[in-house]
Amino acid sequence: METAVDTLKLSIEALVECADFLRRKSCGKIMEILNPTQCVRFLAAAAQLQVNLRRLGMERDENRLHSA
């Protein structure tokens, strides 16, 4: 059982690394296309998305704790 968990853990870590690479690569390509003002807007929107997703996740976790 422990070996299966270790294998799964390594697979998930590799998947996260690949996803991070893809995000960085995509972001870089997008920024090559955009002009500087558009780059700032794009990065601001991406940051706002991250903040909102984090807030939503925290609210969801809090609701689960209160309903349990």
N, C-alpha and C. Protein backbone atom coordinates (compact mmCIF):
# COMPACT_ATOMS: atom_id res chain seq x y z
N MET A 1 0.83 -1.19 0.00
CA MET A 1 0.00 0.00 0.00
C MET A 1 0.88 1.26 0.00
N GLU A 2 1.94 1.26 0.80
CA GLU A 2 2.81 2.43 0.89
C GLU A 2 3.49 2.70 -0.45
N THR A 3 3.87 1.66 -1.17
CA THR A 3 4.51 1.82 -2.47
C THR A 3 3.55 2.47 -3.46
N ALA A 4 2.30 2.08 -3.43
CA ALA A 4 1.30 2.66 -4.32
C ALA A 4 1.11 4.15 -4.00
N VAL A 5 1.08 4.49 -2.74
CA VAL A 5 0.92 5.89 -2.34
C VAL A 5 2.14 6.70 -2.77
N ASP A 6 3.32 6.14 -2.59
CA ASP A 6 4.55 6.84 -3.01
C ASP A 6 4.56 7.05 -4.52
N THR A 7 4.14 6.04 -5.28
CA THR A 7 4.08 6.15 -6.74
C THR A 7 3.08 7.23 -7.15
N LEU A 8 1.93 7.23 -6.50
CA LEU A 8 0.91 8.24 -6.79
C LEU A 8 1.42 9.64 -6.46
N LYS A 9 2.11 9.77 -5.33
CA LYS A 9 2.65 11.06 -4.92
C LYS A 9 3.65 11.58 -5.95
N LEU A 10 4.55 10.73 -6.41
CA LEU A 10 5.52 11.13 -7.43
C LEU A 10 4.85 11.52 -8.73
N SER A 11 3.81 10.78 -9.10
CA SER A 11 3.09 11.09 -10.33
C SER A 11 2.40 12.44 -10.25
N ILE A 12 1.79 12.73 -9.11
CA ILE A 12 1.11 14.01 -8.92
C ILE A 12 2.12 15.15 -8.93
N GLU A 13 3.27 14.96 -8.28
CA GLU A 13 4.31 15.99 -8.29
C GLU A 13 4.79 16.27 -9.71
N ALA A 14 4.97 15.23 -10.50
CA ALA A 14 5.40 15.40 -11.89
C ALA A 14 4.33 16.13 -12.70
N LEU A 15 3.08 15.80 -12.45
CA LEU A 15 1.97 16.46 -13.15
C LEU A 15 1.93 17.95 -12.82
N VAL A 16 2.10 18.29 -11.54
CA VAL A 16 2.10 19.69 -11.13
C VAL A 16 3.27 20.44 -11.77
N GLU A 17 4.43 19.83 -11.82
CA GLU A 17 5.59 20.46 -12.46
C GLU A 17 5.33 20.71 -13.94
N CYS A 18 4.73 19.74 -14.62
CA CYS A 18 4.41 19.91 -16.04
C CYS A 18 3.37 21.02 -16.23
N ALA A 19 2.39 21.08 -15.36
CA ALA A 19 1.37 22.13 -15.46
C ALA A 19 1.99 23.50 -15.22
N ASP A 20 2.89 23.60 -14.26
CA ASP A 20 3.58 24.87 -14.01
C ASP A 20 4.40 25.30 -15.23
N PHE A 21 5.10 24.36 -15.82
CA PHE A 21 5.89 24.65 -17.02
C PHE A 21 4.99 25.15 -18.15
N LEU A 22 3.87 24.46 -18.35
CA LEU A 22 2.94 24.86 -19.40
C LEU A 22 2.39 26.26 -19.16
N ARG A 23 2.06 26.59 -17.90
CA ARG A 23 1.56 27.92 -17.58
C ARG A 23 2.62 28.99 -17.87
N ARG A 24 3.86 28.71 -17.44
CA ARG A 24 4.94 29.68 -17.68
C ARG A 24 5.18 29.88 -19.17
N LYS A 25 5.22 28.79 -19.90
CA LYS A 25 5.47 28.85 -21.34
C LYS A 25 4.34 29.60 -22.05
N SER A 26 3.10 29.30 -21.69
CA SER A 26 1.95 29.96 -22.30
C SER A 26 1.94 31.44 -21.98
N CYS A 27 2.21 31.78 -20.73
CA CYS A 27 2.24 33.18 -20.32
C CYS A 27 3.33 33.93 -21.10
N GLY A 28 4.48 33.34 -21.24
CA GLY A 28 5.57 33.96 -21.99
C GLY A 28 5.19 34.21 -23.44
N LYS A 29 4.54 33.23 -24.07
CA LYS A 29 4.13 33.38 -25.47
C LYS A 29 3.07 34.48 -25.60
N ILE A 30 2.13 34.51 -24.67
CA ILE A 30 1.10 35.55 -24.71
C ILE A 30 1.73 36.92 -24.58
N MET A 31 2.69 37.05 -23.67
CA MET A 31 3.31 38.35 -23.43
C MET A 31 4.18 38.79 -24.61
N GLU A 32 4.68 37.85 -25.41
CA GLU A 32 5.42 38.20 -26.62
C GLU A 32 4.50 38.86 -27.64
N ILE A 33 3.24 38.46 -27.65
CA ILE A 33 2.27 38.97 -28.62
C ILE A 33 1.74 40.34 -28.22
N LEU A 34 1.54 40.53 -26.91
CA LEU A 34 0.90 41.75 -26.42
C LEU A 34 1.86 42.93 -26.35
N ASN A 35 1.29 44.14 -26.42
CA ASN A 35 2.11 45.32 -26.20
C ASN A 35 2.25 45.53 -24.68
N PRO A 36 3.14 46.41 -24.23
CA PRO A 36 3.39 46.56 -22.79
C PRO A 36 2.14 46.86 -21.96
N THR A 37 1.26 47.72 -22.46
CA THR A 37 0.04 48.03 -21.71
C THR A 37 -0.84 46.79 -21.59
N GLN A 38 -0.95 46.05 -22.65
CA GLN A 38 -1.74 44.83 -22.62
C GLN A 38 -1.12 43.79 -21.69
N CYS A 39 0.21 43.74 -21.64
CA CYS A 39 0.89 42.81 -20.73
C CYS A 39 0.54 43.12 -19.28
N VAL A 40 0.55 44.41 -18.94
CA VAL A 40 0.22 44.80 -17.57
C VAL A 40 -1.21 44.40 -17.25
N ARG A 41 -2.13 44.67 -18.18
CA ARG A 41 -3.53 44.30 -17.96
C ARG A 41 -3.69 42.79 -17.83
N PHE A 42 -2.99 42.05 -18.67
CA PHE A 42 -3.04 40.59 -18.63
C PHE A 42 -2.55 40.07 -17.28
N LEU A 43 -1.41 40.57 -16.85
CA LEU A 43 -0.85 40.11 -15.57
C LEU A 43 -1.74 40.51 -14.40
N ALA A 44 -2.33 41.70 -14.46
CA ALA A 44 -3.26 42.14 -13.40
C ALA A 44 -4.49 41.23 -13.37
N ALA A 45 -5.01 40.89 -14.53
CA ALA A 45 -6.17 40.01 -14.60
C ALA A 45 -5.83 38.61 -14.08
N ALA A 46 -4.65 38.12 -14.42
CA ALA A 46 -4.22 36.80 -13.95
C ALA A 46 -4.07 36.80 -12.43
N ALA A 47 -3.50 37.88 -11.89
CA ALA A 47 -3.35 37.99 -10.44
C ALA A 47 -4.72 38.06 -9.76
N GLN A 48 -5.64 38.82 -10.34
CA GLN A 48 -6.99 38.93 -9.77
C GLN A 48 -7.70 37.58 -9.80
N LEU A 49 -7.50 36.83 -10.87
CA LEU A 49 -8.08 35.49 -10.96
C LEU A 49 -7.56 34.61 -9.83
N GLN A 50 -6.25 34.64 -9.61
CA GLN A 50 -5.66 33.84 -8.53
C GLN A 50 -6.23 34.23 -7.17
N VAL A 51 -6.35 35.53 -6.92
CA VAL A 51 -6.89 36.01 -5.65
C VAL A 51 -8.33 35.53 -5.47
N ASN A 52 -9.14 35.67 -6.52
CA ASN A 52 -10.54 35.26 -6.43
C ASN A 52 -10.69 33.75 -6.25
N LEU A 53 -9.86 32.98 -6.94
CA LEU A 53 -9.92 31.52 -6.77
C LEU A 53 -9.52 31.11 -5.36
N ARG A 54 -8.52 31.77 -4.82
CA ARG A 54 -8.09 31.47 -3.45
C ARG A 54 -9.20 31.81 -2.45
N ARG A 55 -9.82 32.99 -2.64
CA ARG A 55 -10.90 33.41 -1.75
C ARG A 55 -12.06 32.44 -1.83
N LEU A 56 -12.42 32.03 -3.04
CA LEU A 56 -13.50 31.08 -3.23
C LEU A 56 -13.19 29.75 -2.54
N GLY A 57 -11.97 29.29 -2.68
CA GLY A 57 -11.57 28.04 -2.04
C GLY A 57 -11.61 28.13 -0.52
N MET A 58 -11.17 29.26 0.01
CA MET A 58 -11.20 29.44 1.46
C MET A 58 -12.63 29.52 1.98
N GLU A 59 -13.51 30.19 1.24
CA GLU A 59 -14.92 30.26 1.63
C GLU A 59 -15.54 28.87 1.59
N ARG A 60 -15.20 28.11 0.58
CA ARG A 60 -15.74 26.75 0.46
C ARG A 60 -15.28 25.88 1.63
N ASP A 61 -13.99 25.98 1.97
CA ASP A 61 -13.48 25.21 3.11
C ASP A 61 -14.16 25.63 4.41
N GLU A 62 -14.37 26.92 4.58
CA GLU A 62 -15.02 27.43 5.79
C GLU A 62 -16.46 26.92 5.88
N ASN A 63 -17.17 26.92 4.76
CA ASN A 63 -18.55 26.41 4.74
C ASN A 63 -18.61 24.93 5.08
N ARG A 64 -17.63 24.18 4.61
CA ARG A 64 -17.58 22.74 4.92
C ARG A 64 -17.35 22.51 6.41
N LEU A 65 -16.50 23.34 7.02
CA LEU A 65 -16.23 23.19 8.45
C LEU A 65 -17.47 23.50 9.28
N HIS A 66 -18.23 24.50 8.87
CA HIS A 66 -19.41 24.90 9.63
C HIS A 66 -20.57 23.92 9.44
N SER A 67 -20.62 23.24 8.30
CA SER A 67 -21.71 22.32 8.04
C SER A 67 -21.44 20.92 8.58
N ALA A 68 -20.20 20.66 8.97
CA ALA A 68 -19.84 19.31 9.46
C ALA A 68 -20.17 19.12 10.92
